[in-house]
Protein backbone atom coordinates (compact mmCIF):
# COMPACT_ATOMS: atom_id res chain seq x y z
CA UNK A 1 121.85 36.63 132.99
CA UNK A 2 124.47 37.34 130.31
CA UNK A 3 127.11 36.02 132.67
CA UNK A 4 125.09 32.84 133.22
CA UNK A 5 124.53 32.39 129.49
CA UNK A 6 128.24 32.74 128.81
CA UNK A 7 129.08 30.29 131.56
CA UNK A 8 126.55 27.76 130.33
CA UNK A 9 127.75 28.11 126.74
CA UNK A 10 131.30 27.34 127.84
CA UNK A 11 130.18 24.43 129.97
CA UNK A 12 128.22 22.91 127.12
CA UNK A 13 131.39 22.49 125.08
CA UNK A 14 133.79 21.74 127.92
CA UNK A 15 135.00 18.21 128.48
CA UNK A 16 136.73 19.05 131.79
CA UNK A 17 133.78 20.17 133.90
CA UNK A 18 131.80 18.16 136.43
CA UNK A 19 128.49 18.59 134.59
CA UNK A 20 126.48 15.44 133.88
CA UNK A 21 124.47 15.93 130.68
CA UNK A 22 121.32 14.29 129.34
CA UNK A 23 119.78 15.30 125.99
CA UNK A 24 116.27 14.32 124.85
CA UNK A 25 116.03 14.75 121.08
CA UNK A 26 112.23 14.52 120.96
CA UNK A 27 111.72 17.83 122.76
CA UNK A 28 115.18 19.37 122.50
CA UNK A 29 115.66 19.41 126.27
CA UNK A 30 119.25 19.36 127.51
CA UNK A 31 119.55 18.74 131.25
CA UNK A 32 122.92 19.36 132.92
CA UNK A 33 123.52 18.44 136.55
CA UNK A 34 126.21 19.75 138.90
CA UNK A 35 126.96 22.78 136.73
CA UNK A 36 129.68 25.18 137.95
CA UNK A 37 129.62 28.78 136.70
CA UNK A 38 132.62 31.11 137.10
CA UNK A 39 134.32 28.57 139.40
CA UNK A 40 132.07 29.58 142.32
CA UNK A 41 128.33 29.13 141.71
CA UNK A 42 127.07 25.55 141.59
CA UNK A 43 123.73 24.62 140.02
CA UNK A 44 122.11 21.33 140.95
CA UNK A 45 120.35 21.22 137.58
CA UNK A 46 120.13 23.42 134.48
CA UNK A 47 117.61 22.68 131.72
CA UNK A 48 118.01 24.18 128.25
CA UNK A 49 115.78 23.90 125.19
CA UNK A 50 118.01 23.57 122.15
CA UNK A 51 117.05 24.71 118.67
CA UNK A 52 119.58 22.81 116.59
CA UNK A 53 118.36 24.37 113.34
CA UNK A 54 119.14 27.92 114.45
CA UNK A 55 121.96 27.06 116.85
CA UNK A 56 120.23 28.84 119.76
CA UNK A 57 118.96 27.76 123.15
CA UNK A 58 116.57 28.92 125.86
CA UNK A 59 117.03 28.43 129.60
CA UNK A 60 113.98 26.62 130.95
CA UNK A 61 115.21 26.11 134.51
CA UNK A 62 118.31 26.75 136.64
CA UNK A 63 118.23 25.40 140.20
CA UNK A 64 120.99 26.44 142.58
CA UNK A 65 122.64 23.60 144.45
CA UNK A 66 121.96 23.62 148.17
CA UNK A 67 124.30 22.19 150.76
CA UNK A 68 124.01 18.45 150.37
CA UNK A 69 125.34 17.75 153.82
CA UNK A 70 123.18 15.40 155.83
CA UNK A 71 121.34 16.91 158.79
CA UNK A 72 122.14 13.74 160.73
CA UNK A 73 125.53 12.09 161.05
CA UNK A 74 126.29 9.54 158.33
CA UNK A 75 129.02 8.01 160.46
CA UNK A 76 130.87 8.85 163.65
CA UNK A 77 133.80 7.90 165.83
CA UNK A 78 134.44 8.47 169.53
CA UNK A 79 137.98 8.37 170.89
CA UNK A 80 139.66 9.87 173.95
CA UNK A 81 136.64 11.94 174.91
CA UNK A 82 136.11 13.44 171.45
CA UNK A 83 133.18 12.56 169.20
CA UNK A 84 133.52 13.24 165.46
CA UNK A 85 130.32 13.15 163.40
CA UNK A 86 130.64 12.98 159.62
CA UNK A 87 127.90 14.80 157.67
CA UNK A 88 129.08 14.15 154.11
CA UNK A 89 131.01 15.71 151.23
CA UNK A 90 129.63 17.84 148.40
CA UNK A 91 130.77 19.53 145.21
CA UNK A 92 131.31 23.18 146.22
CA UNK A 93 133.03 24.71 143.17
CA UNK A 94 134.92 23.83 140.02
CA UNK A 95 136.93 20.69 140.79
CA UNK A 96 136.34 21.41 144.49
CA UNK A 97 134.85 19.26 147.23
CA UNK A 98 133.94 20.26 150.80
CA UNK A 99 133.57 17.70 153.58
CA UNK A 100 131.81 18.55 156.83
CA UNK A 101 132.23 17.23 160.34
CA UNK A 102 130.80 18.21 163.70
CA UNK A 103 132.92 17.57 166.76
CA UNK A 104 131.90 17.43 170.43
CA UNK A 105 134.02 17.30 173.58
CA UNK A 106 132.31 14.71 175.79
CA UNK A 107 134.09 15.05 179.13
CA UNK A 108 135.99 18.34 179.36
CA UNK A 109 136.64 21.60 177.52
CA UNK A 110 139.41 21.07 174.97
CA UNK A 111 141.96 23.31 173.28
CA UNK A 112 141.32 21.87 169.82
CA UNK A 113 143.32 21.82 166.59
CA UNK A 114 141.72 20.86 163.28
CA UNK A 115 144.59 19.84 161.02
CA UNK A 116 145.16 20.55 157.35
CA UNK A 117 148.46 20.61 155.49
CA UNK A 118 149.61 17.08 154.66
CA UNK A 119 146.98 15.52 156.95
CA UNK A 120 143.18 15.14 156.78
CA UNK A 121 143.50 13.57 153.34
CA UNK A 122 140.87 12.28 150.98
CA UNK A 123 141.31 9.60 148.31
CA UNK A 124 139.02 9.41 145.31
CA UNK A 125 137.75 6.21 143.71
CA UNK A 126 140.71 6.35 141.29
CA UNK A 127 143.21 6.29 144.22
CA UNK A 128 144.23 9.94 143.81
CA UNK A 129 145.19 11.61 147.10
CA UNK A 130 144.29 15.21 147.98
CA UNK A 131 145.35 17.38 150.91
CA UNK A 132 142.97 20.05 152.20
CA UNK A 133 143.49 23.53 150.79
CA UNK A 134 141.42 25.09 153.58
CA UNK A 135 140.12 24.12 157.01
CA UNK A 136 137.37 26.21 158.63
CA UNK A 137 135.90 26.21 162.12
CA UNK A 138 133.87 28.93 163.83
CA UNK A 139 135.24 32.18 162.35
CA UNK A 140 138.71 30.80 161.64
CA UNK A 141 140.27 29.60 158.39
CA UNK A 142 143.70 28.15 157.63
CA UNK A 143 145.43 25.84 155.19
CA UNK A 144 147.55 24.24 157.93
CA UNK A 145 145.85 24.29 161.33
CA UNK A 146 142.79 25.89 162.93
CA UNK A 147 142.92 26.30 166.73
CA UNK A 148 139.86 26.98 168.86
CA UNK A 149 138.32 26.19 172.23
CA UNK A 150 135.84 23.32 172.22
CA UNK A 151 133.35 23.68 175.07
CA UNK A 152 132.12 20.42 176.58
CA UNK A 153 128.84 19.27 175.04
CA UNK A 154 128.63 22.00 172.39
CA UNK A 155 129.16 20.76 168.79
CA UNK A 156 131.35 22.78 166.43
CA UNK A 157 131.15 22.46 162.65
CA UNK A 158 134.50 21.89 160.95
CA UNK A 159 134.80 21.87 157.15
CA UNK A 160 137.66 20.61 155.01
CA UNK A 161 137.92 22.00 151.46
CA UNK A 162 139.81 20.21 148.68
CA UNK A 163 140.76 21.68 145.31
CA UNK A 164 141.90 20.26 141.96
CA UNK A 165 139.73 17.16 142.21
CA UNK A 166 140.07 15.04 139.07
CA UNK A 167 137.01 15.54 136.82
CA UNK A 168 136.82 11.79 136.31
CA UNK A 169 136.44 11.09 140.04
CA UNK A 170 132.99 9.77 140.89
CA UNK A 171 133.24 9.28 144.66
CA UNK A 172 135.69 9.21 147.55
CA UNK A 173 137.08 5.95 148.83
CA UNK A 174 138.07 7.52 152.17
CA UNK A 175 137.98 10.82 154.10
CA UNK A 176 140.43 11.12 157.01
CA UNK A 177 139.87 14.28 159.08
CA UNK A 178 142.48 14.70 161.81
CA UNK A 179 142.10 16.54 165.12
CA UNK A 180 144.52 17.16 167.97
CA UNK A 181 144.14 18.44 171.51
CA UNK A 182 145.98 18.56 174.83
CA UNK A 183 149.17 19.87 173.20
CA UNK A 184 151.87 21.58 175.24
CA UNK A 185 152.75 25.19 174.41
CA UNK A 186 155.56 23.99 172.12
CA UNK A 187 153.19 21.69 170.21
CA UNK A 188 154.20 18.35 171.75
CA UNK A 189 152.23 15.75 173.69
CA UNK A 190 149.07 16.08 171.59
CA UNK A 191 146.30 13.50 171.58
CA UNK A 192 145.20 12.85 168.00
CA UNK A 193 141.92 11.51 166.67
CA UNK A 194 141.62 10.62 162.99
CA UNK A 195 138.44 9.64 161.22
CA UNK A 196 138.31 6.97 158.53
CA UNK A 197 135.05 7.48 156.67
CA UNK A 198 134.75 5.29 153.58
CA UNK A 199 132.67 5.05 150.38
CA UNK A 200 131.71 8.73 150.31
CA UNK A 201 129.43 10.09 147.59
CA UNK A 202 129.56 13.75 146.53
């Protein structure tokens, strides 16, 4: 609890956090949304009761943020026997956004690559570009490329994590996850599929 109190105290005076704040003077209630504590724990909403006379506050409620990924696909593309379902993007840490896809091989098993590095970019509503810091699929994680076998008809969840998001960003103009398969042993001859999912809230 002390750790939470310290984190909330710092957030209350910080101008660089994601928290959205609403204060009601009639009852002293301060409601902060999307509160990040210690760069890792995200609260959907924190409600404090402020005593301005004594300079103290009481925590009335602190609700942890759940995954805000949609259970159904928000958008999808199908190309070259690969279906990519987009399930949304969500704030997942301080200045961090995670975007989730589920991919399905429609016709055959595929030796799949989920690409990071300078690909799979997002652009925020202020036209800032971000490359993924991490790509995860199954039990694998990489900043550059995650390789795994995609069995026909079985969806696999692939997440793309982006750091250093501008605090002033309010949404994403586009999310462009990139996948490759059918590559030769030396990495040539790949078939690529890139999503272009636009107007993304987080």
